């Protein structure tokens, strides 16, 4: 009898261990801008302002179980982007090409960001992802700088589903693709660029995002352009 109880205890312990192992301690959250509870704007360095420096800064962050940023470092390597009006194929460029002064300002701002805790199977987990900042030279703002609308899926009047590429089906590619869009005063998408997700799924997501339609955005009594993120979840 004791042997049976001991064997049962070992089986229960092994099962519990397997369940615990199924829950990863850290997940990849992709682009995190639209998921922040608080996302302070970076301080524009005075020297960079005088020199009219601009550019896009990408900061890789790690968020703990409480939603606090515990690590913030400039992204390295290459990223794939889609040029508006381009061939529809991704182009590779360095993750950060902006001036070091702007990158440092982005790191400092990212450290102050705050997120809601992320739960997986009822357990809070660490999240790794990227925060993207766009610095606009002073003489270009506010004319060319569109207000940011965050995650826009729930604000769409029309949001076409992307086609599932055959090449992606063949390798069972899946996951979330995030597309940065710019919406004009009429609610039409005038530019779309995939900023995260599987390479075989990005073109389909961009194509779908270009067909989306939004209600016009009004600020201070005037209709304005707005930028934000549209996400698509592909399931093999």
Protein backbone atom coordinates (compact mmCIF):
# COMPACT_ATOMS: atom_id res chain seq x y z
CA UNK A 1 0.00 0.00 0.00
CA UNK A 2 2.81 2.38 0.92
CA UNK A 3 4.53 1.61 -2.39
CA UNK A 4 1.32 2.47 -4.29
CA UNK A 5 0.96 5.76 -2.41
CA UNK A 6 4.61 6.61 -3.04
CA UNK A 7 4.25 5.78 -6.75
CA UNK A 8 1.12 7.93 -6.92
CA UNK A 9 2.97 10.82 -5.25
CA UNK A 10 5.81 10.56 -7.78
CA UNK A 11 3.32 10.53 -10.68
CA UNK A 12 1.54 13.61 -9.30
CA UNK A 13 4.85 15.43 -8.82
CA UNK A 14 5.97 14.60 -12.36
CA UNK A 15 2.64 15.82 -13.78
CA UNK A 16 2.89 19.07 -11.83
CA UNK A 17 6.43 19.57 -13.09
CA UNK A 18 5.34 19.05 -16.70
CA UNK A 19 2.51 21.59 -16.33
CA UNK A 20 4.91 24.10 -14.81
CA UNK A 21 7.36 23.56 -17.66
CA UNK A 22 4.61 24.26 -20.21
CA UNK A 23 4.38 27.88 -19.00
CA UNK A 24 7.38 29.89 -20.27
CA UNK A 25 8.96 32.43 -17.95
CA UNK A 26 9.26 34.98 -20.78
CA UNK A 27 7.30 35.58 -23.98
CA UNK A 28 7.90 37.73 -27.04
CA UNK A 29 5.43 40.61 -27.23
CA UNK A 30 6.58 42.21 -30.51
CA UNK A 31 6.03 45.97 -30.78
CA UNK A 32 4.72 47.15 -27.42
CA UNK A 33 3.73 50.80 -28.03
CA UNK A 34 0.00 50.10 -28.19
CA UNK A 35 0.09 47.91 -25.07
CA UNK A 36 1.55 50.44 -22.65
CA UNK A 37 -0.42 51.82 -19.72
CA UNK A 38 2.01 54.73 -19.59
CA UNK A 39 4.43 55.58 -22.39
CA UNK A 40 6.28 58.85 -21.71
CA UNK A 41 7.52 60.76 -24.72
CA UNK A 42 11.31 60.97 -24.99
CA UNK A 43 12.92 64.32 -24.25
CA UNK A 44 14.26 65.86 -27.47
CA UNK A 45 17.94 66.69 -26.76
CA UNK A 46 18.59 70.39 -27.19
CA UNK A 47 21.63 69.82 -29.41
CA UNK A 48 19.63 67.42 -31.61
CA UNK A 49 16.90 70.06 -31.84
CA UNK A 50 19.40 72.70 -32.93
CA UNK A 51 20.84 70.35 -35.53
CA UNK A 52 17.30 69.35 -36.64
CA UNK A 53 18.04 65.65 -36.25
CA UNK A 54 15.23 63.14 -36.74
CA UNK A 55 14.73 59.41 -37.27
CA UNK A 56 13.19 56.24 -35.88
CA UNK A 57 14.57 54.70 -32.68
CA UNK A 58 13.86 51.10 -31.63
CA UNK A 59 14.46 50.06 -28.03
CA UNK A 60 14.36 46.42 -26.88
CA UNK A 61 12.85 46.10 -23.42
CA UNK A 62 12.15 43.39 -20.87
CA UNK A 63 9.05 43.79 -18.68
CA UNK A 64 8.68 41.96 -15.38
CA UNK A 65 5.59 40.34 -13.86
CA UNK A 66 4.43 43.68 -12.42
CA UNK A 67 4.57 45.44 -15.81
CA UNK A 68 7.74 47.40 -15.04
CA UNK A 69 10.58 47.84 -17.53
CA UNK A 70 13.67 46.21 -16.03
CA UNK A 71 15.88 46.37 -19.11
CA UNK A 72 16.05 48.82 -22.02
CA UNK A 73 18.71 48.60 -24.73
CA UNK A 74 18.93 49.90 -28.33
CA UNK A 75 17.85 47.27 -30.86
CA UNK A 76 20.69 45.76 -32.86
CA UNK A 77 20.94 43.90 -36.14
CA UNK A 78 18.60 44.35 -39.10
CA UNK A 79 14.84 44.76 -39.40
CA UNK A 80 12.50 44.24 -42.36
CA UNK A 81 10.31 47.16 -43.39
CA UNK A 82 7.81 47.81 -46.17
CA UNK A 83 8.11 51.08 -48.06
CA UNK A 84 4.79 52.81 -48.86
CA UNK A 85 4.21 52.54 -52.60
CA UNK A 86 7.06 50.06 -52.93
CA UNK A 87 7.20 46.61 -54.48
CA UNK A 88 5.39 44.98 -51.56
CA UNK A 89 8.54 43.07 -50.66
CA UNK A 90 10.38 43.79 -47.40
CA UNK A 91 13.58 45.80 -47.37
CA UNK A 92 16.23 45.32 -44.72
CA UNK A 93 17.79 48.17 -42.81
CA UNK A 94 19.69 48.61 -39.56
CA UNK A 95 17.41 48.53 -36.52
CA UNK A 96 18.69 51.93 -35.41
CA UNK A 97 20.08 54.50 -37.84
CA UNK A 98 19.24 57.62 -35.81
CA UNK A 99 21.81 59.80 -34.09
CA UNK A 100 23.16 58.39 -30.78
CA UNK A 101 21.68 61.39 -28.94
CA UNK A 102 18.19 60.36 -30.04
CA UNK A 103 18.85 56.69 -29.22
CA UNK A 104 19.92 57.63 -25.69
CA UNK A 105 16.75 59.71 -25.28
CA UNK A 106 14.70 56.73 -26.45
CA UNK A 107 16.37 54.42 -23.92
CA UNK A 108 15.69 56.88 -21.10
CA UNK A 109 12.00 57.20 -22.05
CA UNK A 110 11.56 53.42 -22.45
CA UNK A 111 12.83 52.82 -18.92
CA UNK A 112 9.92 54.91 -17.59
CA UNK A 113 7.20 53.06 -19.52
CA UNK A 114 4.59 51.04 -17.62
CA UNK A 115 2.56 48.04 -18.75
CA UNK A 116 -0.22 45.86 -17.35
CA UNK A 117 1.03 42.47 -16.12
CA UNK A 118 0.89 39.73 -18.75
CA UNK A 119 -0.63 36.41 -17.68
CA UNK A 120 -0.18 33.04 -19.31
CA UNK A 121 -2.17 30.08 -17.96
CA UNK A 122 -3.00 32.20 -14.93
CA UNK A 123 0.64 33.00 -14.18
CA UNK A 124 2.31 36.40 -14.61
CA UNK A 125 5.29 36.21 -17.01
CA UNK A 126 8.11 38.38 -18.26
CA UNK A 127 7.63 39.99 -21.68
CA UNK A 128 10.34 40.89 -24.17
CA UNK A 129 9.52 43.33 -26.94
CA UNK A 130 10.33 46.59 -28.71
CA UNK A 131 9.26 50.19 -28.18
CA UNK A 132 9.49 52.37 -31.29
CA UNK A 133 9.93 56.15 -31.13
CA UNK A 134 9.80 58.56 -34.05
CA UNK A 135 11.73 61.80 -33.65
CA UNK A 136 10.59 64.60 -35.96
CA UNK A 137 12.86 67.55 -36.67
CA UNK A 138 11.44 70.74 -35.12
CA UNK A 139 10.77 72.49 -38.43
CA UNK A 140 8.64 69.51 -39.56
CA UNK A 141 6.30 69.58 -36.57
CA UNK A 142 3.37 69.83 -36.18
CA UNK A 143 2.57 69.85 -39.91
CA UNK A 144 3.88 66.37 -40.73
CA UNK A 145 3.49 64.79 -37.30
CA UNK A 146 0.24 62.84 -37.03
CA UNK A 147 -1.28 62.16 -33.60
CA UNK A 148 -0.77 58.60 -32.41
CA UNK A 149 -3.84 56.44 -32.04
CA UNK A 150 -2.23 53.39 -30.40
CA UNK A 151 -3.79 50.02 -31.28
CA UNK A 152 -6.43 50.72 -33.94
CA UNK A 153 -8.15 47.36 -34.52
CA UNK A 154 -11.15 48.27 -32.38
CA UNK A 155 -11.53 51.66 -34.09
CA UNK A 156 -11.84 50.33 -37.65
CA UNK A 157 -15.08 50.73 -39.60
CA UNK A 158 -13.84 48.17 -42.13
CA UNK A 159 -10.99 45.78 -41.31
CA UNK A 160 -10.45 43.15 -44.04
CA UNK A 161 -8.99 39.82 -43.03
CA UNK A 162 -5.60 39.06 -44.60
CA UNK A 163 -5.23 36.18 -47.02
CA UNK A 164 -3.14 33.28 -45.73
CA UNK A 165 -0.14 32.96 -48.12
CA UNK A 166 0.42 29.49 -49.53
CA UNK A 167 4.12 29.68 -48.70
CA UNK A 168 3.23 30.38 -45.06
CA UNK A 169 0.77 27.47 -45.03
CA UNK A 170 3.44 25.12 -46.33
CA UNK A 171 5.68 25.79 -43.31
CA UNK A 172 2.77 26.35 -40.88
CA UNK A 173 3.92 29.92 -40.18
CA UNK A 174 1.76 31.76 -37.67
CA UNK A 175 1.72 34.44 -35.01
CA UNK A 176 0.95 38.13 -34.75
CA UNK A 177 1.95 40.68 -37.37
CA UNK A 178 1.92 44.36 -36.40
CA UNK A 179 1.43 46.97 -39.12
CA UNK A 180 2.15 50.68 -38.61
CA UNK A 181 -0.45 52.69 -40.53
CA UNK A 182 -1.04 56.35 -41.33
CA UNK A 183 -4.70 57.35 -41.76
CA UNK A 184 -5.73 60.49 -43.63
CA UNK A 185 -8.48 62.96 -42.75
CA UNK A 186 -11.07 60.82 -44.54
CA UNK A 187 -10.23 57.68 -42.53
CA UNK A 188 -8.32 56.02 -45.40
CA UNK A 189 -5.00 54.21 -44.89
CA UNK A 190 -2.40 56.10 -46.91
CA UNK A 191 0.66 54.15 -45.77
CA UNK A 192 1.25 50.77 -44.14
CA UNK A 193 4.48 49.20 -42.94
CA UNK A 194 4.90 45.84 -41.20
CA UNK A 195 7.10 46.33 -38.15
CA UNK A 196 7.00 42.86 -36.59
CA UNK A 197 5.90 39.30 -37.36
CA UNK A 198 6.87 36.32 -39.52
CA UNK A 199 8.43 37.40 -42.85
CA UNK A 200 6.08 35.15 -44.87
CA UNK A 201 3.01 36.79 -43.31
CA UNK A 202 3.97 40.46 -43.45
CA UNK A 203 3.03 41.22 -47.06
CA UNK A 204 -0.47 39.77 -46.57
CA UNK A 205 -0.95 41.82 -43.39
CA UNK A 206 0.17 45.02 -45.12
CA UNK A 207 -2.18 44.36 -48.04
CA UNK A 208 -5.10 43.85 -45.65
CA UNK A 209 -4.23 46.97 -43.66
CA UNK A 210 -4.24 49.09 -46.81
CA UNK A 211 -7.88 48.12 -47.34
CA UNK A 212 -8.98 49.14 -43.83
CA UNK A 213 -11.28 52.11 -43.27
CA UNK A 214 -11.59 54.26 -40.13
CA UNK A 215 -13.88 57.02 -38.95
CA UNK A 216 -12.26 60.48 -39.34
CA UNK A 217 -10.32 61.67 -36.28
CA UNK A 218 -11.26 65.11 -34.95
CA UNK A 219 -8.96 67.14 -32.68
CA UNK A 220 -9.76 70.65 -31.44
CA UNK A 221 -12.59 70.84 -33.94
CA UNK A 222 -10.43 69.90 -36.94
CA UNK A 223 -10.16 66.61 -38.84
CA UNK A 224 -6.57 65.34 -38.67
CA UNK A 225 -4.37 62.49 -39.80
CA UNK A 226 -3.59 59.80 -37.23
CA UNK A 227 -0.99 57.03 -36.98
CA UNK A 228 -1.22 53.76 -35.06
CA UNK A 229 -0.86 49.99 -35.09
CA UNK A 230 -3.09 47.34 -36.66
CA UNK A 231 -2.38 43.75 -35.61
CA UNK A 232 -3.30 40.49 -37.34
CA UNK A 233 -3.13 37.04 -35.76
CA UNK A 234 -2.37 34.21 -38.18
CA UNK A 235 -3.23 30.69 -36.99
CA UNK A 236 -1.77 27.78 -39.01
